[in-house]
Amino acid sequence: MAGVCFAGPHQAGSSEAGITKRVTWHTFRHSLASFLGQQGEGVKTVQELLRHATSRITIDTYQQGSTEAKRSALNRVAGIFETPKEKS
């Protein structure tokens, strides 16, 4: 029901951008939480901005790690498994 009042111009823009999923006001809440987290904003701040009862809701339901951050983390770990090259 909440998506009905939001089914205006943004839906056409979503289609033009190639977004095939349904976009609602809730989509923007998830995007905001993820964006703020990726920009280094504290979880408590994001929780309060979204008016969540607990930070666990913000972390588990709303925030998503960016692909770049995940890739960077894996690259750091990969360095642990590299064997040192022998001197010739």
N, C-alpha and C. Protein backbone atom coordinates (compact mmCIF):
# COMPACT_ATOMS: atom_id res chain seq x y z
N MET A 1 0.82 -1.19 0.00
CA MET A 1 0.00 0.00 0.00
C MET A 1 0.86 1.25 0.00
N ALA A 2 1.96 1.23 0.74
CA ALA A 2 2.83 2.40 0.81
C ALA A 2 3.40 2.75 -0.55
N GLY A 3 3.66 1.75 -1.39
CA GLY A 3 4.23 1.99 -2.70
C GLY A 3 3.27 2.69 -3.65
N VAL A 4 1.97 2.58 -3.38
CA VAL A 4 0.97 3.17 -4.25
C VAL A 4 1.10 4.68 -4.30
N CYS A 5 1.30 5.32 -3.15
CA CYS A 5 1.38 6.78 -3.13
C CYS A 5 2.70 7.26 -3.74
N PHE A 6 3.60 6.37 -4.00
CA PHE A 6 4.90 6.74 -4.54
C PHE A 6 5.03 6.35 -6.01
N ALA A 7 3.97 5.85 -6.61
CA ALA A 7 4.03 5.33 -7.97
C ALA A 7 3.88 6.44 -9.00
N GLY A 8 4.74 7.43 -8.93
CA GLY A 8 4.66 8.55 -9.84
C GLY A 8 5.81 8.58 -10.82
N PRO A 9 6.37 9.76 -11.01
CA PRO A 9 7.42 9.97 -12.00
C PRO A 9 8.66 9.11 -11.77
N HIS A 10 8.95 8.77 -10.53
CA HIS A 10 10.16 7.97 -10.28
C HIS A 10 10.08 6.61 -10.94
N GLN A 11 8.86 6.06 -11.10
CA GLN A 11 8.70 4.74 -11.71
C GLN A 11 9.11 4.78 -13.18
N ALA A 12 8.74 5.85 -13.87
CA ALA A 12 9.14 6.00 -15.27
C ALA A 12 10.65 6.16 -15.36
N GLY A 13 11.22 6.93 -14.45
CA GLY A 13 12.67 7.11 -14.43
C GLY A 13 13.39 5.81 -14.15
N SER A 14 12.83 4.99 -13.29
CA SER A 14 13.42 3.69 -13.00
C SER A 14 13.42 2.82 -14.24
N SER A 15 12.32 2.81 -14.96
CA SER A 15 12.24 2.01 -16.18
C SER A 15 13.25 2.48 -17.21
N GLU A 16 13.37 3.79 -17.36
CA GLU A 16 14.33 4.34 -18.32
C GLU A 16 15.77 4.00 -17.94
N ALA A 17 16.03 3.87 -16.65
CA ALA A 17 17.37 3.53 -16.17
C ALA A 17 17.64 2.03 -16.25
N GLY A 18 16.66 1.26 -16.66
CA GLY A 18 16.83 -0.17 -16.79
C GLY A 18 16.57 -0.94 -15.50
N ILE A 19 15.98 -0.28 -14.52
CA ILE A 19 15.66 -0.95 -13.26
C ILE A 19 14.34 -1.69 -13.45
N THR A 20 14.40 -3.00 -13.31
CA THR A 20 13.20 -3.81 -13.55
C THR A 20 12.44 -4.13 -12.29
N LYS A 21 13.08 -3.98 -11.13
CA LYS A 21 12.41 -4.25 -9.86
C LYS A 21 11.46 -3.11 -9.51
N ARG A 22 10.47 -3.43 -8.70
CA ARG A 22 9.53 -2.42 -8.23
C ARG A 22 10.26 -1.46 -7.28
N VAL A 23 10.09 -0.18 -7.48
CA VAL A 23 10.75 0.83 -6.65
C VAL A 23 9.68 1.53 -5.82
N THR A 24 9.90 1.53 -4.49
CA THR A 24 8.95 2.17 -3.58
C THR A 24 9.73 3.13 -2.68
N TRP A 25 9.04 3.82 -1.80
CA TRP A 25 9.70 4.71 -0.84
C TRP A 25 10.65 3.91 0.03
N HIS A 26 10.32 2.65 0.27
CA HIS A 26 11.16 1.80 1.10
C HIS A 26 12.50 1.52 0.43
N THR A 27 12.49 1.46 -0.89
CA THR A 27 13.73 1.27 -1.65
C THR A 27 14.71 2.40 -1.34
N PHE A 28 14.19 3.60 -1.23
CA PHE A 28 15.04 4.76 -0.94
C PHE A 28 15.61 4.71 0.49
N ARG A 29 14.86 4.15 1.42
CA ARG A 29 15.36 3.99 2.79
C ARG A 29 16.56 3.04 2.81
N HIS A 30 16.44 1.92 2.08
CA HIS A 30 17.55 0.97 1.99
C HIS A 30 18.76 1.62 1.33
N SER A 31 18.52 2.34 0.26
CA SER A 31 19.61 3.01 -0.46
C SER A 31 20.30 4.04 0.44
N LEU A 32 19.51 4.81 1.17
CA LEU A 32 20.07 5.82 2.06
C LEU A 32 20.93 5.17 3.13
N ALA A 33 20.44 4.11 3.75
CA ALA A 33 21.19 3.42 4.80
C ALA A 33 22.51 2.88 4.25
N SER A 34 22.47 2.26 3.08
CA SER A 34 23.70 1.72 2.49
C SER A 34 24.66 2.83 2.10
N PHE A 35 24.15 3.89 1.50
CA PHE A 35 25.00 5.01 1.08
C PHE A 35 25.70 5.65 2.28
N LEU A 36 24.93 5.92 3.32
CA LEU A 36 25.52 6.55 4.50
C LEU A 36 26.58 5.65 5.13
N GLY A 37 26.32 4.36 5.19
CA GLY A 37 27.30 3.42 5.73
C GLY A 37 28.57 3.40 4.91
N GLN A 38 28.43 3.42 3.58
CA GLN A 38 29.60 3.42 2.69
C GLN A 38 30.39 4.71 2.79
N GLN A 39 29.74 5.78 3.20
CA GLN A 39 30.41 7.07 3.35
C GLN A 39 31.05 7.21 4.73
N GLY A 40 30.95 6.14 5.55
CA GLY A 40 31.60 6.14 6.85
C GLY A 40 30.74 6.66 7.99
N GLU A 41 29.48 6.89 7.74
CA GLU A 41 28.60 7.37 8.81
C GLU A 41 28.39 6.25 9.83
N GLY A 42 28.35 6.59 11.08
CA GLY A 42 28.19 5.61 12.13
C GLY A 42 26.82 4.95 12.11
N VAL A 43 26.77 3.70 12.52
CA VAL A 43 25.52 2.95 12.53
C VAL A 43 24.48 3.63 13.42
N LYS A 44 24.90 4.15 14.55
CA LYS A 44 23.97 4.81 15.47
C LYS A 44 23.31 6.03 14.81
N THR A 45 24.09 6.78 14.06
CA THR A 45 23.54 7.95 13.36
C THR A 45 22.51 7.52 12.33
N VAL A 46 22.85 6.49 11.53
CA VAL A 46 21.92 6.00 10.50
C VAL A 46 20.66 5.45 11.17
N GLN A 47 20.83 4.72 12.26
CA GLN A 47 19.69 4.17 12.99
C GLN A 47 18.73 5.29 13.41
N GLU A 48 19.29 6.34 13.96
CA GLU A 48 18.45 7.44 14.44
C GLU A 48 17.80 8.21 13.29
N LEU A 49 18.52 8.37 12.19
CA LEU A 49 17.93 9.05 11.03
C LEU A 49 16.74 8.26 10.47
N LEU A 50 16.87 6.94 10.45
CA LEU A 50 15.80 6.09 9.94
C LEU A 50 14.75 5.76 11.00
N ARG A 51 15.04 6.20 12.24
CA ARG A 51 14.13 6.02 13.36
C ARG A 51 13.87 4.54 13.67
N HIS A 52 14.93 3.74 13.59
CA HIS A 52 14.83 2.34 13.96
C HIS A 52 14.94 2.20 15.47
N ALA A 53 14.28 1.20 16.02
CA ALA A 53 14.31 0.97 17.46
C ALA A 53 15.70 0.52 17.92
N THR A 54 16.37 -0.26 17.09
CA THR A 54 17.70 -0.76 17.44
C THR A 54 18.63 -0.66 16.25
N SER A 55 19.92 -0.62 16.53
CA SER A 55 20.91 -0.58 15.45
C SER A 55 20.95 -1.91 14.70
N ARG A 56 20.54 -2.98 15.35
CA ARG A 56 20.52 -4.31 14.71
C ARG A 56 19.61 -4.29 13.49
N ILE A 57 18.47 -3.62 13.57
CA ILE A 57 17.56 -3.50 12.43
C ILE A 57 18.28 -2.79 11.28
N THR A 58 18.98 -1.73 11.60
CA THR A 58 19.70 -0.96 10.58
C THR A 58 20.75 -1.83 9.89
N ILE A 59 21.53 -2.54 10.68
CA ILE A 59 22.62 -3.34 10.13
C ILE A 59 22.10 -4.55 9.36
N ASP A 60 21.21 -5.32 9.98
CA ASP A 60 20.78 -6.59 9.38
C ASP A 60 19.80 -6.42 8.22
N THR A 61 18.98 -5.40 8.27
CA THR A 61 17.92 -5.27 7.27
C THR A 61 18.20 -4.21 6.21
N TYR A 62 18.82 -3.11 6.61
CA TYR A 62 18.92 -1.98 5.70
C TYR A 62 20.27 -1.79 5.02
N GLN A 63 21.35 -1.97 5.75
CA GLN A 63 22.65 -1.67 5.16
C GLN A 63 23.19 -2.87 4.38
N GLN A 64 23.82 -2.57 3.26
CA GLN A 64 24.49 -3.58 2.44
C GLN A 64 25.90 -3.11 2.17
N GLY A 65 26.81 -4.05 2.17
CA GLY A 65 28.18 -3.71 1.83
C GLY A 65 28.32 -3.45 0.35
N SER A 66 29.16 -2.51 -0.02
CA SER A 66 29.35 -2.22 -1.43
C SER A 66 30.24 -3.29 -2.06
N THR A 67 30.08 -3.49 -3.34
CA THR A 67 30.91 -4.45 -4.07
C THR A 67 32.37 -4.06 -3.96
N GLU A 68 32.68 -2.77 -4.05
CA GLU A 68 34.07 -2.32 -3.97
C GLU A 68 34.68 -2.64 -2.61
N ALA A 69 33.91 -2.41 -1.54
CA ALA A 69 34.41 -2.69 -0.19
C ALA A 69 34.65 -4.18 0.02
N LYS A 70 33.76 -5.00 -0.50
CA LYS A 70 33.93 -6.46 -0.39
C LYS A 70 35.16 -6.91 -1.16
N ARG A 71 35.33 -6.39 -2.36
CA ARG A 71 36.48 -6.75 -3.19
C ARG A 71 37.79 -6.33 -2.51
N SER A 72 37.80 -5.14 -1.95
CA SER A 72 38.98 -4.63 -1.27
C SER A 72 39.32 -5.51 -0.06
N ALA A 73 38.32 -5.92 0.70
CA ALA A 73 38.54 -6.78 1.86
C ALA A 73 39.12 -8.12 1.44
N LEU A 74 38.58 -8.69 0.36
CA LEU A 74 39.09 -9.97 -0.12
C LEU A 74 40.51 -9.86 -0.64
N ASN A 75 40.82 -8.76 -1.28
CA ASN A 75 42.19 -8.56 -1.79
C ASN A 75 43.19 -8.47 -0.64
N ARG A 76 42.80 -7.84 0.46
CA ARG A 76 43.69 -7.76 1.62
C ARG A 76 43.94 -9.14 2.20
N VAL A 77 42.90 -9.96 2.27
CA VAL A 77 43.03 -11.31 2.80
C VAL A 77 43.86 -12.17 1.86
N ALA A 78 43.70 -11.99 0.57
CA ALA A 78 44.43 -12.80 -0.40
C ALA A 78 45.93 -12.66 -0.22
N GLY A 79 46.39 -11.52 0.23
CA GLY A 79 47.82 -11.29 0.44
C GLY A 79 48.40 -12.20 1.50
N ILE A 80 47.59 -12.66 2.41
CA ILE A 80 48.05 -13.56 3.47
C ILE A 80 48.51 -14.89 2.89
N PHE A 81 47.87 -15.33 1.82
CA PHE A 81 48.12 -16.65 1.27
C PHE A 81 49.18 -16.69 0.19
N GLU A 82 49.70 -15.54 -0.17
CA GLU A 82 50.76 -15.51 -1.18
C GLU A 82 52.06 -16.02 -0.57
N THR A 83 52.76 -16.85 -1.32
CA THR A 83 54.04 -17.35 -0.84
C THR A 83 55.13 -16.41 -1.31
N PRO A 84 56.13 -16.20 -0.46
CA PRO A 84 57.20 -15.30 -0.86
C PRO A 84 57.98 -15.90 -2.03
N LYS A 85 58.39 -15.04 -2.94
CA LYS A 85 59.15 -15.50 -4.10
C LYS A 85 60.60 -15.73 -3.69
N GLU A 86 61.15 -16.83 -4.18
CA GLU A 86 62.54 -17.15 -3.87
C GLU A 86 63.48 -16.28 -4.68
N LYS A 87 64.60 -15.93 -4.06
CA LYS A 87 65.61 -15.13 -4.76
C LYS A 87 66.40 -16.06 -5.67
N SER A 88 66.71 -15.61 -6.87
CA SER A 88 67.48 -16.45 -7.77
C SER A 88 68.93 -16.04 -7.83
